[in-house]
Protein backbone atom coordinates (compact mmCIF):
# COMPACT_ATOMS: atom_id res chain seq x y z
CA UNK A 1 -198.25 -33.92 -135.45
CA UNK A 2 -201.71 -33.35 -133.96
CA UNK A 3 -202.02 -32.39 -130.32
CA UNK A 4 -203.91 -34.72 -127.99
CA UNK A 5 -206.01 -33.39 -125.14
CA UNK A 6 -207.98 -35.55 -122.69
CA UNK A 7 -211.06 -34.04 -121.06
CA UNK A 8 -210.57 -34.06 -117.26
CA UNK A 9 -213.23 -34.97 -114.74
CA UNK A 10 -213.79 -31.31 -113.83
CA UNK A 11 -214.86 -30.42 -117.39
CA UNK A 12 -217.13 -33.41 -117.96
CA UNK A 13 -220.42 -32.32 -119.54
CA UNK A 14 -219.05 -28.96 -120.71
CA UNK A 15 -219.35 -27.70 -124.30
CA UNK A 16 -216.42 -28.38 -126.61
CA UNK A 17 -215.58 -24.68 -127.09
CA UNK A 18 -215.42 -24.16 -123.32
CA UNK A 19 -213.29 -27.29 -122.86
CA UNK A 20 -210.84 -26.31 -125.59
CA UNK A 21 -210.56 -22.78 -124.26
CA UNK A 22 -209.70 -24.10 -120.82
CA UNK A 23 -207.27 -26.81 -121.93
CA UNK A 24 -205.43 -24.77 -124.57
CA UNK A 25 -205.60 -21.35 -122.98
CA UNK A 26 -207.65 -19.93 -125.87
CA UNK A 27 -210.45 -17.40 -125.93
CA UNK A 28 -213.92 -18.86 -126.44
CA UNK A 29 -214.06 -17.37 -129.97
CA UNK A 30 -210.63 -18.77 -130.91
CA UNK A 31 -211.65 -22.22 -129.67
CA UNK A 32 -214.92 -21.97 -131.61
CA UNK A 33 -212.97 -21.06 -134.77
CA UNK A 34 -210.80 -24.17 -134.40
CA UNK A 35 -213.88 -26.33 -134.03
CA UNK A 36 -215.74 -24.64 -136.91
CA UNK A 37 -212.76 -25.29 -139.17
CA UNK A 38 -212.91 -29.03 -138.47
CA UNK A 39 -209.54 -29.00 -136.74
CA UNK A 40 -210.72 -30.93 -133.67
CA UNK A 41 -211.82 -34.57 -133.87
CA UNK A 42 -213.06 -37.17 -131.43
CA UNK A 43 -212.78 -40.80 -132.47
CA UNK A 44 -212.20 -39.68 -136.05
CA UNK A 45 -215.20 -37.32 -136.29
CA UNK A 46 -215.15 -33.52 -136.27
CA UNK A 47 -216.41 -31.98 -133.05
CA UNK A 48 -218.97 -29.15 -133.11
CA UNK A 49 -218.56 -26.26 -130.68
CA UNK A 50 -221.79 -27.12 -128.83
CA UNK A 51 -220.92 -30.82 -128.40
CA UNK A 52 -220.99 -31.87 -124.74
CA UNK A 53 -217.82 -33.77 -123.87
CA UNK A 54 -217.30 -36.45 -121.27
CA UNK A 55 -214.38 -37.08 -118.94
CA UNK A 56 -211.76 -39.19 -120.70
CA UNK A 57 -212.69 -38.08 -124.21
CA UNK A 58 -209.43 -37.85 -126.17
CA UNK A 59 -209.46 -34.92 -128.61
CA UNK A 60 -207.14 -34.77 -131.59
CA UNK A 61 -206.28 -31.16 -132.46
CA UNK A 62 -204.63 -30.07 -135.74
CA UNK A 63 -203.83 -26.38 -135.38
CA UNK A 64 -203.82 -24.70 -138.81
CA UNK A 65 -200.60 -23.06 -139.83
CA UNK A 66 -200.76 -19.32 -139.28
CA UNK A 67 -199.49 -17.40 -142.28
CA UNK A 68 -196.88 -14.75 -141.63
CA UNK A 69 -198.71 -11.46 -142.32
CA UNK A 70 -195.56 -10.15 -144.03
CA UNK A 71 -195.17 -13.15 -146.31
CA UNK A 72 -195.24 -12.24 -150.00
CA UNK A 73 -197.87 -14.40 -151.68
CA UNK A 74 -196.78 -14.88 -155.29
CA UNK A 75 -199.94 -14.86 -157.39
CA UNK A 76 -201.52 -13.55 -160.55
CA UNK A 77 -203.39 -10.36 -159.71
CA UNK A 78 -206.27 -9.59 -162.07
CA UNK A 79 -206.20 -6.05 -163.41
CA UNK A 80 -202.59 -5.35 -162.41
CA UNK A 81 -201.55 -4.05 -165.83
CA UNK A 82 -198.15 -2.71 -166.81
CA UNK A 83 -198.00 0.88 -168.06
CA UNK A 84 -194.21 1.10 -168.45
CA UNK A 85 -191.65 -1.70 -168.22
CA UNK A 86 -188.11 -0.32 -167.97
CA UNK A 87 -184.95 -2.15 -166.93
CA UNK A 88 -184.77 0.11 -163.85
CA UNK A 89 -188.43 0.27 -162.83
CA UNK A 90 -191.95 -0.76 -163.70
CA UNK A 91 -195.05 1.46 -163.59
CA UNK A 92 -198.15 -0.55 -162.80
CA UNK A 93 -201.82 0.29 -163.15
CA UNK A 94 -202.93 -0.75 -159.67
CA UNK A 95 -206.55 -1.92 -159.46
CA UNK A 96 -208.79 -1.24 -156.48
CA UNK A 97 -208.64 -3.90 -153.77
CA UNK A 98 -204.88 -4.44 -154.08
CA UNK A 99 -202.40 -3.26 -151.43
CA UNK A 100 -198.91 -2.04 -152.29
CA UNK A 101 -197.26 -4.68 -150.08
CA UNK A 102 -198.10 -7.21 -147.34
CA UNK A 103 -198.85 -5.84 -143.89
CA UNK A 104 -200.44 -7.05 -140.64
CA UNK A 105 -204.21 -7.18 -141.00
CA UNK A 106 -204.19 -7.41 -144.81
CA UNK A 107 -204.80 -10.81 -146.41
CA UNK A 108 -205.64 -9.74 -149.96
CA UNK A 109 -203.49 -9.41 -153.09
CA UNK A 110 -200.51 -7.05 -153.27
CA UNK A 111 -198.52 -5.27 -155.96
CA UNK A 112 -195.33 -6.96 -154.72
CA UNK A 113 -196.92 -10.43 -154.95
CA UNK A 114 -198.58 -9.66 -158.28
CA UNK A 115 -195.32 -8.51 -159.88
CA UNK A 116 -193.57 -11.64 -158.60
CA UNK A 117 -196.41 -13.73 -160.01
CA UNK A 118 -195.97 -12.00 -163.38
CA UNK A 119 -192.28 -12.92 -163.44
CA UNK A 120 -190.75 -9.60 -162.39
CA UNK A 121 -187.60 -9.84 -160.31
CA UNK A 122 -187.11 -6.94 -157.93
CA UNK A 123 -183.66 -6.52 -156.34
CA UNK A 124 -183.59 -3.81 -153.70
CA UNK A 125 -182.56 -3.45 -150.09
CA UNK A 126 -184.96 -3.34 -147.20
CA UNK A 127 -187.64 -5.75 -146.08
CA UNK A 128 -188.52 -8.41 -148.71
CA UNK A 129 -192.25 -7.68 -148.42
CA UNK A 130 -191.60 -4.09 -149.54
CA UNK A 131 -189.12 -4.86 -152.32
CA UNK A 132 -189.05 -1.99 -154.80
CA UNK A 133 -191.84 -0.03 -153.12
CA UNK A 134 -190.97 3.69 -153.21
CA UNK A 135 -194.51 5.01 -152.64
CA UNK A 136 -197.96 3.58 -152.02
CA UNK A 137 -201.56 3.90 -153.07
CA UNK A 138 -204.39 3.02 -150.68
CA UNK A 139 -206.13 -0.32 -151.20
CA UNK A 140 -209.27 1.56 -152.23
CA UNK A 141 -207.47 3.83 -154.71
CA UNK A 142 -206.58 2.78 -158.26
CA UNK A 143 -204.04 4.14 -160.71
CA UNK A 144 -200.40 4.62 -161.65
CA UNK A 145 -197.73 3.44 -159.24
CA UNK A 146 -193.98 3.04 -159.85
CA UNK A 147 -191.94 0.17 -158.41
CA UNK A 148 -188.13 0.16 -158.57
CA UNK A 149 -186.44 -2.93 -160.01
CA UNK A 150 -182.85 -2.19 -159.03
CA UNK A 151 -181.08 -0.87 -155.97
CA UNK A 152 -179.96 2.27 -157.82
CA UNK A 153 -183.48 3.06 -159.02
CA UNK A 154 -184.86 2.38 -155.56
CA UNK A 155 -182.46 4.86 -153.95
CA UNK A 156 -183.01 7.57 -156.57
CA UNK A 157 -186.80 7.25 -156.69
CA UNK A 158 -187.14 7.15 -152.90
CA UNK A 159 -185.19 10.39 -152.73
CA UNK A 160 -187.27 11.93 -155.53
CA UNK A 161 -190.48 11.26 -153.59
CA UNK A 162 -188.87 12.63 -150.44
CA UNK A 163 -187.74 15.77 -152.28
CA UNK A 164 -191.23 16.16 -153.84
CA UNK A 165 -189.86 16.24 -157.38
CA UNK A 166 -192.29 13.53 -158.54
CA UNK A 167 -195.44 14.87 -160.19
CA UNK A 168 -198.44 13.09 -158.69
CA UNK A 169 -201.75 13.96 -160.35
CA UNK A 170 -205.01 12.49 -159.12
CA UNK A 171 -208.55 12.82 -160.40
CA UNK A 172 -211.44 12.72 -157.95
CA UNK A 173 -215.17 13.18 -158.08
CA UNK A 174 -216.12 15.14 -154.98
CA UNK A 175 -219.58 15.98 -153.70
CA UNK A 176 -220.93 19.42 -154.53
CA UNK A 177 -218.68 22.11 -156.04
CA UNK A 178 -215.63 23.43 -154.19
CA UNK A 179 -215.43 27.20 -153.83
CA UNK A 180 -213.13 28.58 -155.12
CA UNK A 181 -212.95 26.39 -158.23
CA UNK A 182 -209.16 26.36 -158.00
CA UNK A 183 -207.10 26.54 -154.85
CA UNK A 184 -204.75 25.03 -152.29
CA UNK A 185 -205.66 23.16 -149.13
CA UNK A 186 -202.90 23.63 -146.57
CA UNK A 187 -203.96 21.82 -143.41
CA UNK A 188 -202.01 19.42 -141.12
CA UNK A 189 -203.13 15.80 -141.02
CA UNK A 190 -202.83 13.32 -138.18
CA UNK A 191 -204.65 10.41 -136.57
CA UNK A 192 -208.32 11.03 -135.94
CA UNK A 193 -208.77 11.56 -132.18
CA UNK A 194 -211.84 9.32 -132.09
CA UNK A 195 -211.17 6.60 -134.70
CA UNK A 196 -207.95 4.60 -134.98
CA UNK A 197 -208.46 3.76 -138.65
CA UNK A 198 -209.20 7.32 -139.79
CA UNK A 199 -207.18 10.49 -140.24
CA UNK A 200 -208.24 14.10 -139.81
CA UNK A 201 -207.11 17.69 -140.00
CA UNK A 202 -205.62 18.23 -136.54
CA UNK A 203 -203.60 21.06 -135.10
CA UNK A 204 -200.52 18.96 -134.28
CA UNK A 205 -200.63 16.90 -137.50
CA UNK A 206 -197.98 16.67 -140.20
CA UNK A 207 -197.86 19.49 -142.80
CA UNK A 208 -200.07 18.52 -145.76
CA UNK A 209 -200.62 20.50 -148.97
CA UNK A 210 -203.10 19.69 -151.75
CA UNK A 211 -203.58 21.78 -154.91
CA UNK A 212 -206.82 21.32 -156.86
CA UNK A 213 -208.79 22.57 -159.85
CA UNK A 214 -212.37 21.77 -160.79
CA UNK A 215 -212.38 20.51 -164.39
CA UNK A 216 -216.06 19.52 -164.69
CA UNK A 217 -219.07 20.43 -162.55
CA UNK A 218 -222.32 18.44 -162.46
CA UNK A 219 -224.35 20.00 -159.66
CA UNK A 220 -224.34 17.18 -157.12
CA UNK A 221 -220.66 16.49 -157.75
CA UNK A 222 -217.53 17.81 -159.49
CA UNK A 223 -214.57 16.21 -161.25
CA UNK A 224 -211.41 17.66 -159.75
CA UNK A 225 -207.75 17.44 -160.79
CA UNK A 226 -205.42 17.29 -157.81
CA UNK A 227 -201.67 17.83 -157.52
CA UNK A 228 -200.19 16.52 -154.30
CA UNK A 229 -197.33 18.46 -152.77
CA UNK A 230 -197.10 16.09 -149.80
CA UNK A 231 -198.14 12.46 -149.54
CA UNK A 232 -199.89 11.79 -146.25
CA UNK A 233 -202.09 8.75 -145.72
CA UNK A 234 -205.64 9.50 -146.97
CA UNK A 235 -204.54 13.09 -147.71
CA UNK A 236 -206.97 13.84 -150.54
CA UNK A 237 -209.87 12.14 -148.78
CA UNK A 238 -209.21 13.98 -145.51
CA UNK A 239 -208.69 17.40 -147.08
CA UNK A 240 -211.85 17.33 -149.19
CA UNK A 241 -213.89 15.91 -146.31
CA UNK A 242 -212.65 18.84 -144.22
CA UNK A 243 -214.01 21.18 -146.91
CA UNK A 244 -217.35 19.34 -146.71
CA UNK A 245 -216.81 18.00 -150.24
CA UNK A 246 -215.83 14.35 -149.59
CA UNK A 247 -214.95 12.07 -152.47
CA UNK A 248 -218.11 10.51 -153.87
CA UNK A 249 -218.53 7.01 -152.44
CA UNK A 250 -216.13 7.62 -149.54
CA UNK A 251 -218.45 6.60 -146.72
CA UNK A 252 -215.55 6.49 -144.25
CA UNK A 253 -215.15 10.24 -144.59
CA UNK A 254 -218.78 11.27 -144.67
CA UNK A 255 -219.89 10.83 -148.28
CA UNK A 256 -223.62 10.59 -149.00
CA UNK A 257 -224.52 6.90 -149.44
CA UNK A 258 -227.44 7.89 -151.69
CA UNK A 259 -225.11 9.50 -154.24
CA UNK A 260 -222.81 6.48 -154.06
CA UNK A 261 -225.76 4.21 -154.82
CA UNK A 262 -226.93 6.44 -157.69
CA UNK A 263 -223.45 6.30 -159.22
CA UNK A 264 -222.97 2.57 -158.61
CA UNK A 265 -219.93 3.23 -156.42
CA UNK A 266 -218.66 0.75 -153.85
CA UNK A 267 -215.51 2.78 -153.07
CA UNK A 268 -214.31 6.36 -153.22
CA UNK A 269 -214.06 7.98 -156.67
CA UNK A 270 -210.31 8.63 -156.50
CA UNK A 271 -207.74 7.70 -159.12
CA UNK A 272 -203.97 8.22 -159.49
CA UNK A 273 -204.28 9.53 -163.04
CA UNK A 274 -200.77 10.62 -163.95
CA UNK A 275 -197.29 10.02 -162.56
CA UNK A 276 -194.20 11.80 -163.88
CA UNK A 277 -190.59 11.66 -162.68
CA UNK A 278 -186.99 11.85 -163.86
CA UNK A 279 -185.60 8.53 -165.10
CA UNK A 280 -183.35 7.28 -162.27
CA UNK A 281 -180.45 6.60 -164.67
CA UNK A 282 -180.79 9.02 -167.62
CA UNK A 283 -182.64 11.89 -165.98
CA UNK A 284 -185.13 12.06 -168.87
CA UNK A 285 -188.78 12.76 -168.03
CA UNK A 286 -190.95 9.67 -167.65
CA UNK A 287 -194.72 10.03 -167.67
CA UNK A 288 -197.40 7.39 -167.20
CA UNK A 289 -201.15 7.93 -167.52
CA UNK A 290 -203.69 5.50 -166.10
CA UNK A 291 -207.13 5.42 -167.78
CA UNK A 292 -210.18 5.42 -165.52
CA UNK A 293 -211.26 1.90 -164.53
CA UNK A 294 -214.73 0.71 -165.46
CA UNK A 295 -216.48 1.55 -162.18
CA UNK A 296 -215.20 5.13 -162.08
CA UNK A 297 -215.88 5.67 -165.78
CA UNK A 298 -219.46 4.45 -165.32
CA UNK A 299 -220.04 6.85 -162.42
CA UNK A 300 -218.59 9.76 -164.40
CA UNK A 301 -220.72 9.03 -167.46
CA UNK A 302 -223.78 8.82 -165.22
CA UNK A 303 -223.01 12.32 -163.96
CA UNK A 304 -222.30 13.64 -167.46
CA UNK A 305 -225.59 12.23 -168.67
CA UNK A 306 -227.47 14.05 -165.94
CA UNK A 307 -228.97 10.81 -164.64
CA UNK A 308 -228.53 11.68 -160.95
């Protein structure tokens, strides 16, 4: 049922956004959003935020339903391909722009929702919005990701990631050429002291270890193969930024926007290339390889062709 609010004498002549804010206890911007969405009417007509209201005006207010940020939206997710479909797990090829699972502040597609939309039934303990999720890839990172289908697989795979027995191999194009060409970055990672949404190498951070090897060098950038020993949020991006060789296109961590433009990149060149682990039931080795998506392949071919 719509709410009904009558403009009192004291607010006569005031703008609609100011009146709504006062009557409903909303911020001016929240009131303006209600009005802009056509959720407030006067005598059957939508009210604009700058409309001057008179005492006695009866406003009809239909507040839009607020979606639970942890609700799993079942939908078809373009580009969410299946690399391996086993009765115990599924390995997906996660495209860029897709989160592993719903979370506050994220309103886009998710692996959990995409699998449900494709008819996969995941049966594991824990929160429904994280069903089957045993590890995650950043929204801006593409590649191979395993999701458990059963409770047994969930338990075994979670433990395997915790014990670091899962082989996680990433490919990245980083700016310049790391020296040495092969090495280990052992530097603790924690919240950036100046930016809530970023991470950094900090003295009191969590232990973080990244092994790398340059496999192609192009002058302005290098293709690097990376083996993760730990799995901290943004680990690869933070470690290479700390070396002054950020992932190409990673403007959040200091990449050169000119190189990103030359390569046609709108995100960091970072891809979960290979994932290998012991089958949770048989113990046999399982390996999945994710081919480079079109945008990353284009950037790499541009470098190989010497066009930048």
